[in-house]
Amino acid sequence: MPTVSNELIERTRASIREHGFTTLLVKPQPGVHLFFSFDLVNSTQFKASHPNDWPVVVTRFYELIINEFTTRLGSAIVWKFVGDEVLFFKEVVKKEELFLALPAAHAALLATMDVLHKRFPLSRELLAIKGTVWIAEVQPIQPSDASSIQLTSRNIIVETGRSPSGMIRDFLGPEIDTGFRISKFALRRRLVVSAELASVLYREKTSYPEIEKRLKIVSFQTLKGVWGGRHYPIVWYEEDWANVGKTFLFDEHLTSEIAATVKSGLPEDSSLATIEKVFSDLGRQEEIDGLMASIERACAQPRKTKTEIEIPKDRYAEIHCVAVCFSPNGKILAAKRPATKRRYPNCLEFGCGQLRLGESFGDCLRRAYKDDFGVDLILSEPPVTIGVYEIQDTAERRVIPGIIFAAYIADANEVASKYSQQKHSEIIWIDPKEFRPDQHQCVPNFEATIAKAIETRKQTEAIKK
């Protein structure tokens, strides 16, 4: 069984990596990179307990985390798969990217776990996801040139092979290793952040005042090969530390010393300000100074080459598909976007899916609304269109087209218990006759879309008669 399982995992990874993404590669540049790890917790035990079910669950994890994370941090690139772990990297060329990275990683982690648990209830007992984010300055080098090139960084980028899309690269060095060392201190649904990244963010706290509220030191641990055996601060990212105790499993504090500490109350030295003292006492402030200087140079000097990006093949042409969903009694489903969304935070919308290559509109809508709301849409074949729209993304200088369709949800009462609370913070069923748009924040043309949907529904029913 282990041999078959390993082979299946490797085939799944290879398929996702080969068919799911294409990389517009440029020559790697020296500079500061962010690294991200998302890892399944208790996967070995889950595979043993569910020998027939785990392949589809693990495969779905790969697909979901890649989609959820790259959607939130579009320039993140899949680095590699290690066990049941997916790794990403991202070159830092703007300071804002430092501030966006942690909320994006945390939201992607929670959203993926939420969807997995709702789609596969059997995974809830054992499976979870944990994440790690760290930072390092890297320099591209080829092994054949190592003796003749003067290294300016302790970490290097090496070419390890070629694929149809270009170069396959790996990252090596002590700061790269640190990220893997601290990952074991990220428990289920937790995001652990390297002390170096925490220090960089602390120095930029005037631009990101929320950082002191969201990053806390939860422990000090000795890490093999790191800091000569001195204690390393373990930093967690949380959106709401006031209620963090409620997010642990009922017995998690019995199996994890860190969980017990956090649940009983953080110590006095948990403040992010302690990070500065740590680096000062160890005489390692120059490391953070060097990172800050490299980031400043990257921000000040425009790139001479095109930005490296990785595009999922299922989103070659990004088209959004929206369904205005009616209940049997004529109410319309509305969902509030999370506060962490870059576009239209806290606004009511109808839900949305992104069309994949080779996918029909109906399949796209059924897949997306099953993931987000846990229900099966009832659609005409082909689906009835209500209208089209465009999103003007000024930050990325592009226009995203969208198509709006009419749909029905027969089991409307189940949405409240099945919807992903990471994808939407709240759902409501709107009575069109009583809806007051001035009492809500809504995405553009929300009220007009409702009117069009009602008219389209009337026309469709009239034709059927």
Protein backbone atom coordinates (compact mmCIF):
# COMPACT_ATOMS: atom_id res chain seq x y z
CA MET A 1 0.00 0.00 0.00
CA PRO A 2 2.72 2.63 0.83
CA THR A 3 4.35 2.14 -2.61
CA VAL A 4 1.06 2.59 -4.44
CA SER A 5 0.21 5.64 -2.31
CA ASN A 6 3.55 7.32 -2.96
CA GLU A 7 3.30 6.70 -6.67
CA LEU A 8 -0.21 8.11 -6.77
CA ILE A 9 0.85 11.22 -4.85
CA GLU A 10 3.76 11.80 -7.22
CA ARG A 11 1.53 11.39 -10.28
CA THR A 12 -1.00 13.82 -8.79
CA ARG A 13 1.64 16.42 -8.06
CA ALA A 14 3.20 16.05 -11.48
CA SER A 15 -0.17 16.37 -13.19
CA ILE A 16 -1.12 19.50 -11.27
CA ARG A 17 2.31 21.06 -11.81
CA GLU A 18 2.46 20.20 -15.50
CA HIS A 19 -1.13 20.81 -16.55
CA GLY A 20 -2.22 23.34 -13.95
CA PHE A 21 0.37 26.05 -14.48
CA THR A 22 2.57 27.67 -17.03
CA THR A 23 5.37 29.99 -16.03
CA LEU A 24 6.38 33.10 -17.93
CA LEU A 25 9.93 32.80 -16.68
CA VAL A 26 12.58 35.46 -16.69
CA LYS A 27 16.16 35.18 -15.58
CA PRO A 28 16.13 35.02 -11.76
CA GLN A 29 17.14 38.26 -10.12
CA PRO A 30 19.12 38.75 -6.90
CA GLY A 31 16.97 40.20 -4.15
CA VAL A 32 14.56 39.45 -1.36
CA HIS A 33 12.04 36.62 -1.71
CA LEU A 34 9.11 35.48 0.40
CA PHE A 35 8.53 31.76 0.84
CA PHE A 36 5.28 30.03 1.74
CA SER A 37 4.47 26.51 2.89
CA PHE A 38 1.01 24.93 3.24
CA ASP A 39 1.04 21.47 4.76
CA LEU A 40 -1.63 18.90 5.57
CA VAL A 41 -1.76 17.96 9.26
CA ASN A 42 -2.35 14.28 10.17
CA SER A 43 -2.29 13.20 6.53
CA THR A 44 -0.56 9.89 7.27
CA GLN A 45 -3.18 8.92 9.83
CA PHE A 46 -5.97 10.06 7.51
CA LYS A 47 -4.66 7.91 4.64
CA ALA A 48 -4.49 4.88 6.89
CA SER A 49 -8.02 5.46 8.21
CA HIS A 50 -9.56 6.17 4.78
CA PRO A 51 -7.63 4.11 2.20
CA ASN A 52 -10.29 4.55 -0.49
CA ASP A 53 -11.13 8.20 0.09
CA TRP A 54 -7.86 9.98 0.73
CA PRO A 55 -6.66 10.29 -2.92
CA VAL A 56 -9.54 12.58 -3.95
CA VAL A 57 -9.25 14.61 -0.72
CA VAL A 58 -5.49 15.15 -1.04
CA THR A 59 -5.80 15.96 -4.74
CA ARG A 60 -8.50 18.51 -3.93
CA PHE A 61 -6.18 20.05 -1.31
CA TYR A 62 -3.51 20.62 -3.95
CA GLU A 63 -5.97 22.24 -6.32
CA LEU A 64 -7.68 24.38 -3.69
CA ILE A 65 -4.60 25.80 -1.99
CA ILE A 66 -2.99 26.69 -5.31
CA ASN A 67 -6.16 28.41 -6.51
CA GLU A 68 -6.97 30.13 -3.20
CA PHE A 69 -3.46 31.45 -2.65
CA THR A 70 -2.60 32.58 -6.18
CA THR A 71 -5.99 34.28 -6.41
CA ARG A 72 -5.13 36.34 -3.32
CA LEU A 73 -1.44 36.86 -4.12
CA GLY A 74 -1.34 36.71 -7.87
CA SER A 75 2.43 36.87 -8.30
CA ALA A 76 3.12 33.90 -6.02
CA ILE A 77 4.67 30.98 -7.91
CA VAL A 78 4.51 27.29 -7.09
CA TRP A 79 8.00 26.23 -6.02
CA LYS A 80 7.64 22.51 -5.38
CA PHE A 81 5.77 19.74 -3.57
CA VAL A 82 7.35 18.08 -0.53
CA GLY A 83 5.28 15.26 0.92
CA ASP A 84 1.77 16.62 1.49
CA GLU A 85 3.15 20.15 1.43
CA VAL A 86 2.87 22.78 -1.32
CA LEU A 87 5.56 25.47 -1.42
CA PHE A 88 5.44 28.88 -3.12
CA PHE A 89 7.90 31.71 -3.60
CA LYS A 90 7.51 35.36 -4.46
CA GLU A 91 10.07 38.04 -5.27
CA VAL A 92 9.52 41.25 -3.30
CA VAL A 93 9.50 44.28 -5.58
CA LYS A 94 7.09 46.49 -3.62
CA LYS A 95 6.81 47.10 0.11
CA GLU A 96 3.04 46.65 -0.04
CA GLU A 97 3.62 43.02 -0.98
CA LEU A 98 5.10 42.41 2.47
CA PHE A 99 1.88 43.61 4.09
CA LEU A 100 -0.41 41.70 1.72
CA ALA A 101 1.43 38.39 2.01
CA LEU A 102 0.39 37.35 5.51
CA PRO A 103 -3.35 38.13 5.23
CA ALA A 104 -3.38 36.40 1.83
CA ALA A 105 -1.65 33.27 3.14
CA HIS A 106 -3.82 33.13 6.27
CA ALA A 107 -7.08 33.60 4.34
CA ALA A 108 -6.08 31.00 1.74
CA LEU A 109 -5.23 28.49 4.48
CA LEU A 110 -8.55 28.93 6.28
CA ALA A 111 -10.61 28.97 3.09
CA THR A 112 -9.03 25.77 1.80
CA MET A 113 -9.53 23.98 5.11
CA ASP A 114 -13.13 25.18 5.32
CA VAL A 115 -13.99 23.93 1.84
CA LEU A 116 -12.26 20.58 2.40
CA HIS A 117 -14.20 19.98 5.61
CA LYS A 118 -17.52 20.91 4.03
CA ARG A 119 -16.97 18.95 0.81
CA PHE A 120 -15.49 15.94 2.62
CA PRO A 121 -16.99 15.71 6.14
CA LEU A 122 -14.88 12.62 6.85
CA SER A 123 -11.78 14.85 6.76
CA ARG A 124 -12.95 17.05 9.63
CA GLU A 125 -11.90 14.67 12.42
CA LEU A 126 -8.25 14.37 11.39
CA LEU A 127 -7.21 16.64 8.53
CA ALA A 128 -6.23 20.28 8.86
CA ILE A 129 -3.78 22.68 7.22
CA LYS A 130 -0.91 24.66 8.69
CA GLY A 131 1.21 27.35 7.06
CA THR A 132 4.64 28.97 7.26
CA VAL A 133 5.91 32.24 5.79
CA TRP A 134 9.53 33.34 5.81
CA ILE A 135 11.92 35.71 4.05
CA ALA A 136 15.44 35.49 2.63
CA GLU A 137 17.78 37.38 0.36
CA VAL A 138 18.87 35.18 -2.53
CA GLN A 139 21.36 35.30 -5.37
CA PRO A 140 21.16 33.29 -8.62
CA ILE A 141 24.17 31.07 -9.28
CA GLN A 142 24.97 27.96 -11.27
CA PRO A 143 26.99 25.18 -9.64
CA SER A 144 29.61 25.38 -12.40
CA ASP A 145 30.18 29.06 -11.61
CA ALA A 146 30.34 28.74 -7.83
CA SER A 147 34.12 29.03 -7.61
CA SER A 148 34.34 32.16 -9.76
CA ILE A 149 31.39 34.22 -8.47
CA GLN A 150 31.54 36.32 -5.35
CA LEU A 151 28.51 35.61 -3.21
CA THR A 152 26.67 38.62 -1.84
CA SER A 153 24.01 36.51 -0.15
CA ARG A 154 24.08 33.42 2.05
CA ASN A 155 21.23 31.92 0.02
CA ILE A 156 21.27 30.97 -3.64
CA ILE A 157 18.93 30.17 -6.53
CA VAL A 158 20.07 27.22 -8.64
CA GLU A 159 18.78 25.77 -11.86
CA THR A 160 17.83 22.14 -11.29
CA GLY A 161 16.37 21.26 -14.67
CA ARG A 162 14.17 22.28 -17.55
CA SER A 163 10.48 21.85 -18.26
CA PRO A 164 8.40 22.76 -21.34
CA SER A 165 7.59 26.07 -19.63
CA GLY A 166 11.19 26.96 -18.79
CA MET A 167 13.67 26.63 -15.98
CA ILE A 168 13.00 24.69 -12.80
CA ARG A 169 14.67 26.38 -9.87
CA ASP A 170 15.44 25.61 -6.28
CA PHE A 171 16.47 27.75 -3.32
CA LEU A 172 19.28 26.75 -0.97
CA GLY A 173 20.84 28.35 2.08
CA PRO A 174 20.63 28.76 5.86
CA GLU A 175 17.71 31.20 5.80
CA ILE A 176 15.83 28.86 3.45
CA ASP A 177 16.39 26.03 5.93
CA THR A 178 15.09 28.19 8.79
CA GLY A 179 11.63 28.22 7.23
CA PHE A 180 11.48 24.44 7.23
CA ARG A 181 12.73 24.34 10.83
CA ILE A 182 10.01 26.61 12.19
CA SER A 183 7.19 24.95 10.23
CA LYS A 184 6.79 22.24 12.89
CA PHE A 185 5.61 24.95 15.31
CA ALA A 186 2.64 25.83 13.10
CA LEU A 187 -0.30 23.88 14.48
CA ARG A 188 -3.57 23.19 12.66
CA ARG A 189 -5.04 26.37 11.04
CA ARG A 190 -2.03 28.38 12.28
CA LEU A 191 0.37 30.50 10.29
CA VAL A 192 3.90 30.71 11.71
CA VAL A 193 6.11 33.60 10.57
CA SER A 194 9.90 33.75 10.68
CA ALA A 195 11.50 36.11 13.18
CA GLU A 196 13.34 37.83 10.32
CA LEU A 197 10.11 38.64 8.48
CA ALA A 198 8.46 39.70 11.74
CA SER A 199 11.34 42.09 12.40
CA VAL A 200 11.12 43.59 8.90
CA LEU A 201 7.37 44.14 9.33
CA TYR A 202 7.84 45.60 12.80
CA ARG A 203 10.23 48.19 11.39
CA GLU A 204 7.56 49.11 8.84
CA LYS A 205 4.76 49.29 11.42
CA THR A 206 3.98 52.91 10.60
CA SER A 207 2.83 51.71 7.16
CA TYR A 208 1.12 48.64 8.57
CA PRO A 209 -0.09 49.52 12.10
CA GLU A 210 -2.16 46.33 12.33
CA ILE A 211 0.99 44.20 12.35
CA GLU A 212 1.57 44.55 16.11
CA LYS A 213 -1.96 43.30 16.75
CA ARG A 214 -1.67 40.31 14.45
CA LEU A 215 1.84 38.98 15.12
CA LYS A 216 2.68 37.59 18.57
CA ILE A 217 5.58 35.56 19.95
CA VAL A 218 4.10 32.34 21.31
CA SER A 219 7.29 30.54 22.30
CA PHE A 220 11.09 30.45 22.17
CA GLN A 221 12.65 27.28 20.77
CA THR A 222 16.10 26.00 19.87
CA LEU A 223 16.29 24.99 16.22
CA LYS A 224 18.84 22.62 14.75
CA GLY A 225 21.49 24.57 12.83
CA VAL A 226 19.88 27.95 13.56
CA TRP A 227 21.47 30.73 15.64
CA GLY A 228 24.06 28.41 17.16
CA GLY A 229 21.57 26.85 19.53
CA ARG A 230 20.21 30.14 20.90
CA HIS A 231 16.46 30.35 21.38
CA TYR A 232 14.49 31.42 18.31
CA PRO A 233 11.19 33.31 18.71
CA ILE A 234 8.19 31.42 17.31
CA VAL A 235 5.77 33.97 15.88
CA TRP A 236 2.15 33.31 14.94
CA TYR A 237 -0.14 35.39 12.76
CA GLU A 238 -3.77 35.71 13.90
CA GLU A 239 -6.54 38.06 12.81
CA ASP A 240 -8.18 38.07 16.26
CA TRP A 241 -6.00 37.27 19.26
CA ALA A 242 -8.77 38.19 21.70
CA ASN A 243 -10.71 35.08 20.69
CA VAL A 244 -7.84 32.78 19.72
CA GLY A 245 -8.61 30.39 22.58
CA LYS A 246 -11.90 29.46 20.93
CA THR A 247 -10.14 28.28 17.76
CA PHE A 248 -8.27 25.40 19.38
CA LEU A 249 -9.61 21.86 19.44
CA PHE A 250 -11.04 20.80 22.79
CA ASP A 251 -7.94 18.73 23.63
CA GLU A 252 -5.27 20.55 21.63
CA HIS A 253 -3.75 22.11 24.75
CA LEU A 254 -3.14 18.59 26.08
CA THR A 255 -1.00 17.59 23.11
CA SER A 256 0.81 20.87 22.40
CA GLU A 257 2.73 22.95 24.92
CA ILE A 258 2.42 26.03 22.70
CA ALA A 259 -1.34 25.60 22.41
CA ALA A 260 -1.57 25.33 26.20
CA THR A 261 0.46 28.53 26.61
CA VAL A 262 -1.57 30.51 24.10
CA LYS A 263 -4.90 29.26 25.43
CA SER A 264 -4.02 30.20 29.02
CA GLY A 265 -2.81 33.68 28.07
CA LEU A 266 0.22 35.02 26.26
CA PRO A 267 3.33 35.93 28.29
CA GLU A 268 4.56 39.51 28.67
CA ASP A 269 7.35 39.05 26.13
CA SER A 270 4.88 38.03 23.40
CA SER A 271 4.80 41.58 22.02
CA LEU A 272 6.35 42.05 18.60
CA ALA A 273 8.58 44.73 20.11
CA THR A 274 10.55 41.89 21.74
CA ILE A 275 11.81 40.93 18.28
CA GLU A 276 13.98 44.03 18.15
CA LYS A 277 15.59 43.16 21.49
CA VAL A 278 16.22 39.59 20.32
CA PHE A 279 18.18 40.69 17.25
CA SER A 280 19.99 43.39 19.26
CA ASP A 281 21.04 40.99 22.04
CA LEU A 282 22.31 38.48 19.50
CA GLY A 283 24.17 41.10 17.48
CA ARG A 284 22.19 40.16 14.38
CA GLN A 285 20.68 43.54 13.56
CA GLU A 286 22.86 43.81 10.45
CA GLU A 287 20.92 40.90 8.92
CA ILE A 288 17.66 42.85 9.18
CA ASP A 289 19.42 46.02 8.02
CA GLY A 290 20.58 44.13 4.93
CA LEU A 291 17.09 42.84 4.18
CA MET A 292 15.63 46.32 4.57
CA ALA A 293 18.29 47.81 2.28
CA SER A 294 17.65 45.18 -0.40
CA ILE A 295 13.91 45.79 -0.22
CA GLU A 296 14.47 49.54 -0.54
CA ARG A 297 16.65 49.01 -3.63
CA ALA A 298 14.06 46.75 -5.23
CA CYS A 299 11.33 49.31 -4.62
CA ALA A 300 13.40 52.23 -5.86
CA GLN A 301 14.70 50.63 -9.06
CA PRO A 302 12.14 49.72 -11.73
CA ARG A 303 12.52 46.21 -13.10
CA LYS A 304 14.42 46.07 -16.38
CA THR A 305 12.77 42.78 -17.25
CA LYS A 306 9.18 41.66 -17.25
CA THR A 307 7.73 40.64 -13.93
CA GLU A 308 7.85 36.90 -13.43
CA ILE A 309 4.39 35.44 -13.04
CA GLU A 310 2.82 32.03 -13.02
CA ILE A 311 -0.62 31.66 -14.53
CA PRO A 312 -2.87 28.68 -13.84
CA LYS A 313 -3.77 27.22 -17.21
CA ASP A 314 -7.39 27.11 -16.14
CA ARG A 315 -7.29 30.92 -15.99
CA TYR A 316 -5.55 31.78 -19.28
CA ALA A 317 -8.46 34.10 -19.95
CA GLU A 318 -9.95 35.17 -16.63
CA ILE A 319 -13.73 35.17 -16.91
CA HIS A 320 -15.96 35.44 -13.85
CA CYS A 321 -19.26 33.58 -13.77
CA VAL A 322 -21.96 34.85 -11.40
CA ALA A 323 -25.25 33.15 -10.57
CA VAL A 324 -28.21 35.06 -9.18
CA CYS A 325 -29.71 32.22 -7.15
CA PHE A 326 -33.45 32.11 -6.45
CA SER A 327 -35.01 30.07 -3.67
CA PRO A 328 -38.33 28.26 -4.26
CA ASN A 329 -40.19 31.17 -2.63
CA GLY A 330 -38.54 33.79 -4.87
CA LYS A 331 -35.86 35.12 -2.53
CA ILE A 332 -32.34 35.81 -3.81
CA LEU A 333 -29.09 34.63 -2.24
CA ALA A 334 -26.66 37.38 -1.22
CA ALA A 335 -23.30 36.86 0.46
CA LYS A 336 -21.01 39.35 2.19
CA ARG A 337 -17.41 39.43 1.00
CA PRO A 338 -14.78 39.14 3.77
CA ALA A 339 -13.09 42.27 5.09
CA THR A 340 -9.76 40.87 3.84
CA LYS A 341 -10.77 41.00 0.17
CA ARG A 342 -8.79 43.48 -1.91
CA ARG A 343 -11.81 44.27 -4.07
CA TYR A 344 -15.11 45.37 -2.48
CA PRO A 345 -14.49 44.22 1.13
CA ASN A 346 -17.61 43.76 3.28
CA CYS A 347 -19.88 44.19 0.25
CA LEU A 348 -22.87 42.04 -0.67
CA GLU A 349 -22.50 40.01 -3.85
CA PHE A 350 -24.17 37.00 -5.46
CA GLY A 351 -21.14 34.70 -5.35
CA CYS A 352 -18.78 33.99 -8.21
CA GLY A 353 -16.70 31.34 -9.96
CA GLN A 354 -13.78 31.59 -12.37
CA LEU A 355 -14.13 29.74 -15.65
CA ARG A 356 -11.51 27.05 -16.26
CA LEU A 357 -10.07 26.00 -19.58
CA GLY A 358 -12.38 23.47 -21.27
CA GLU A 359 -15.15 23.99 -18.71
CA SER A 360 -18.74 24.87 -19.58
CA PHE A 361 -20.52 27.77 -17.88
CA GLY A 362 -22.81 25.32 -16.11
CA ASP A 363 -19.94 23.19 -14.82
CA CYS A 364 -18.11 26.30 -13.61
CA LEU A 365 -21.15 27.54 -11.69
CA ARG A 366 -21.93 24.14 -10.16
CA ARG A 367 -18.32 23.64 -9.02
CA ALA A 368 -17.87 27.14 -7.58
CA TYR A 369 -21.21 27.32 -5.76
CA LYS A 370 -20.75 23.81 -4.37
CA ASP A 371 -17.39 24.89 -2.93
CA ASP A 372 -18.59 28.25 -1.62
CA PHE A 373 -22.15 27.48 -0.49
CA GLY A 374 -22.27 23.67 -0.26
CA VAL A 375 -25.31 23.36 -2.51
CA ASP A 376 -26.21 22.00 -5.94
CA LEU A 377 -27.37 24.64 -8.40
CA ILE A 378 -30.32 24.01 -10.68
CA LEU A 379 -29.55 25.50 -14.10
CA SER A 380 -31.11 25.51 -17.53
CA GLU A 381 -29.09 23.94 -20.34
CA PRO A 382 -27.52 26.12 -21.54
CA PRO A 383 -27.74 28.46 -18.50
CA VAL A 384 -29.94 31.54 -18.92
CA THR A 385 -27.90 34.75 -19.07
CA ILE A 386 -28.92 37.92 -17.26
CA GLY A 387 -26.16 40.23 -18.40
CA VAL A 388 -22.45 40.95 -18.50
CA TYR A 389 -20.13 43.22 -16.52
CA GLU A 390 -16.50 44.28 -16.26
CA ILE A 391 -14.18 44.80 -13.30
CA GLN A 392 -11.63 47.56 -13.80
CA ASP A 393 -8.60 46.35 -11.84
CA THR A 394 -6.51 49.52 -11.64
CA ALA A 395 -3.87 47.93 -9.40
CA GLU A 396 -3.04 45.29 -12.01
CA ARG A 397 -4.03 47.46 -14.99
CA ARG A 398 -6.45 44.98 -16.52
CA VAL A 399 -10.12 44.46 -17.20
CA ILE A 400 -11.84 41.30 -15.94
CA PRO A 401 -15.03 40.35 -17.80
CA GLY A 402 -17.94 38.61 -16.14
CA ILE A 403 -21.20 36.94 -17.15
CA ILE A 404 -24.31 36.78 -14.92
CA PHE A 405 -26.66 33.79 -15.06
CA ALA A 406 -29.95 32.80 -13.44
CA ALA A 407 -30.04 29.75 -11.16
CA TYR A 408 -32.16 28.03 -8.53
CA ILE A 409 -31.33 26.45 -5.19
CA ALA A 410 -33.90 23.90 -4.10
CA ASP A 411 -32.35 23.28 -0.67
CA ALA A 412 -32.13 26.96 0.24
CA ASN A 413 -32.43 26.29 3.98
CA GLU A 414 -29.17 24.32 3.94
CA VAL A 415 -27.00 27.20 2.73
CA ALA A 416 -26.72 28.72 6.21
CA SER A 417 -25.06 25.58 7.58
CA LYS A 418 -23.00 24.64 4.52
CA TYR A 419 -21.53 27.87 3.17
CA SER A 420 -17.80 28.54 3.58
CA GLN A 421 -17.38 31.16 6.28
CA GLN A 422 -13.90 31.93 4.96
CA LYS A 423 -15.22 32.72 1.48
CA HIS A 424 -18.08 34.87 2.83
CA SER A 425 -18.59 36.34 6.27
CA GLU A 426 -22.40 36.25 6.09
CA ILE A 427 -25.23 35.10 3.85
CA ILE A 428 -28.75 36.49 3.64
CA TRP A 429 -31.81 35.70 1.53
CA ILE A 430 -33.14 38.90 0.02
CA ASP A 431 -36.82 39.52 -0.51
CA PRO A 432 -36.70 41.77 -3.61
CA LYS A 433 -39.88 43.60 -2.52
CA GLU A 434 -38.37 44.59 0.84
CA PHE A 435 -34.68 45.00 0.00
CA ARG A 436 -33.20 48.40 0.88
CA PRO A 437 -29.83 48.84 -0.86
CA ASP A 438 -29.09 52.00 1.16
CA GLN A 439 -28.86 49.81 4.26
CA HIS A 440 -26.07 47.65 2.84
CA GLN A 441 -22.70 47.94 1.16
CA CYS A 442 -23.02 46.22 -2.21
CA VAL A 443 -20.87 45.49 -5.23
CA PRO A 444 -21.54 47.78 -8.21
CA ASN A 445 -24.93 47.43 -9.96
CA PHE A 446 -26.21 45.05 -7.29
CA GLU A 447 -29.76 46.46 -7.25
CA ALA A 448 -29.91 46.72 -11.04
CA THR A 449 -28.81 43.09 -11.35
CA ILE A 450 -31.61 41.99 -9.03
CA ALA A 451 -34.14 43.81 -11.21
CA LYS A 452 -32.74 42.21 -14.37
CA ALA A 453 -32.75 38.77 -12.73
CA ILE A 454 -36.40 39.08 -11.74
CA GLU A 455 -37.36 40.21 -15.24
CA THR A 456 -35.36 37.37 -16.80
CA ARG A 457 -37.03 34.88 -14.47
CA LYS A 458 -40.49 36.14 -15.45
CA GLN A 459 -39.68 35.90 -19.16
CA THR A 460 -38.24 32.40 -18.81
CA GLU A 461 -41.29 31.15 -16.89
CA ALA A 462 -43.61 32.75 -19.43
CA ILE A 463 -41.84 30.94 -22.26
CA LYS A 464 -42.14 27.62 -20.41
CA LYS A 465 -45.91 28.17 -20.08
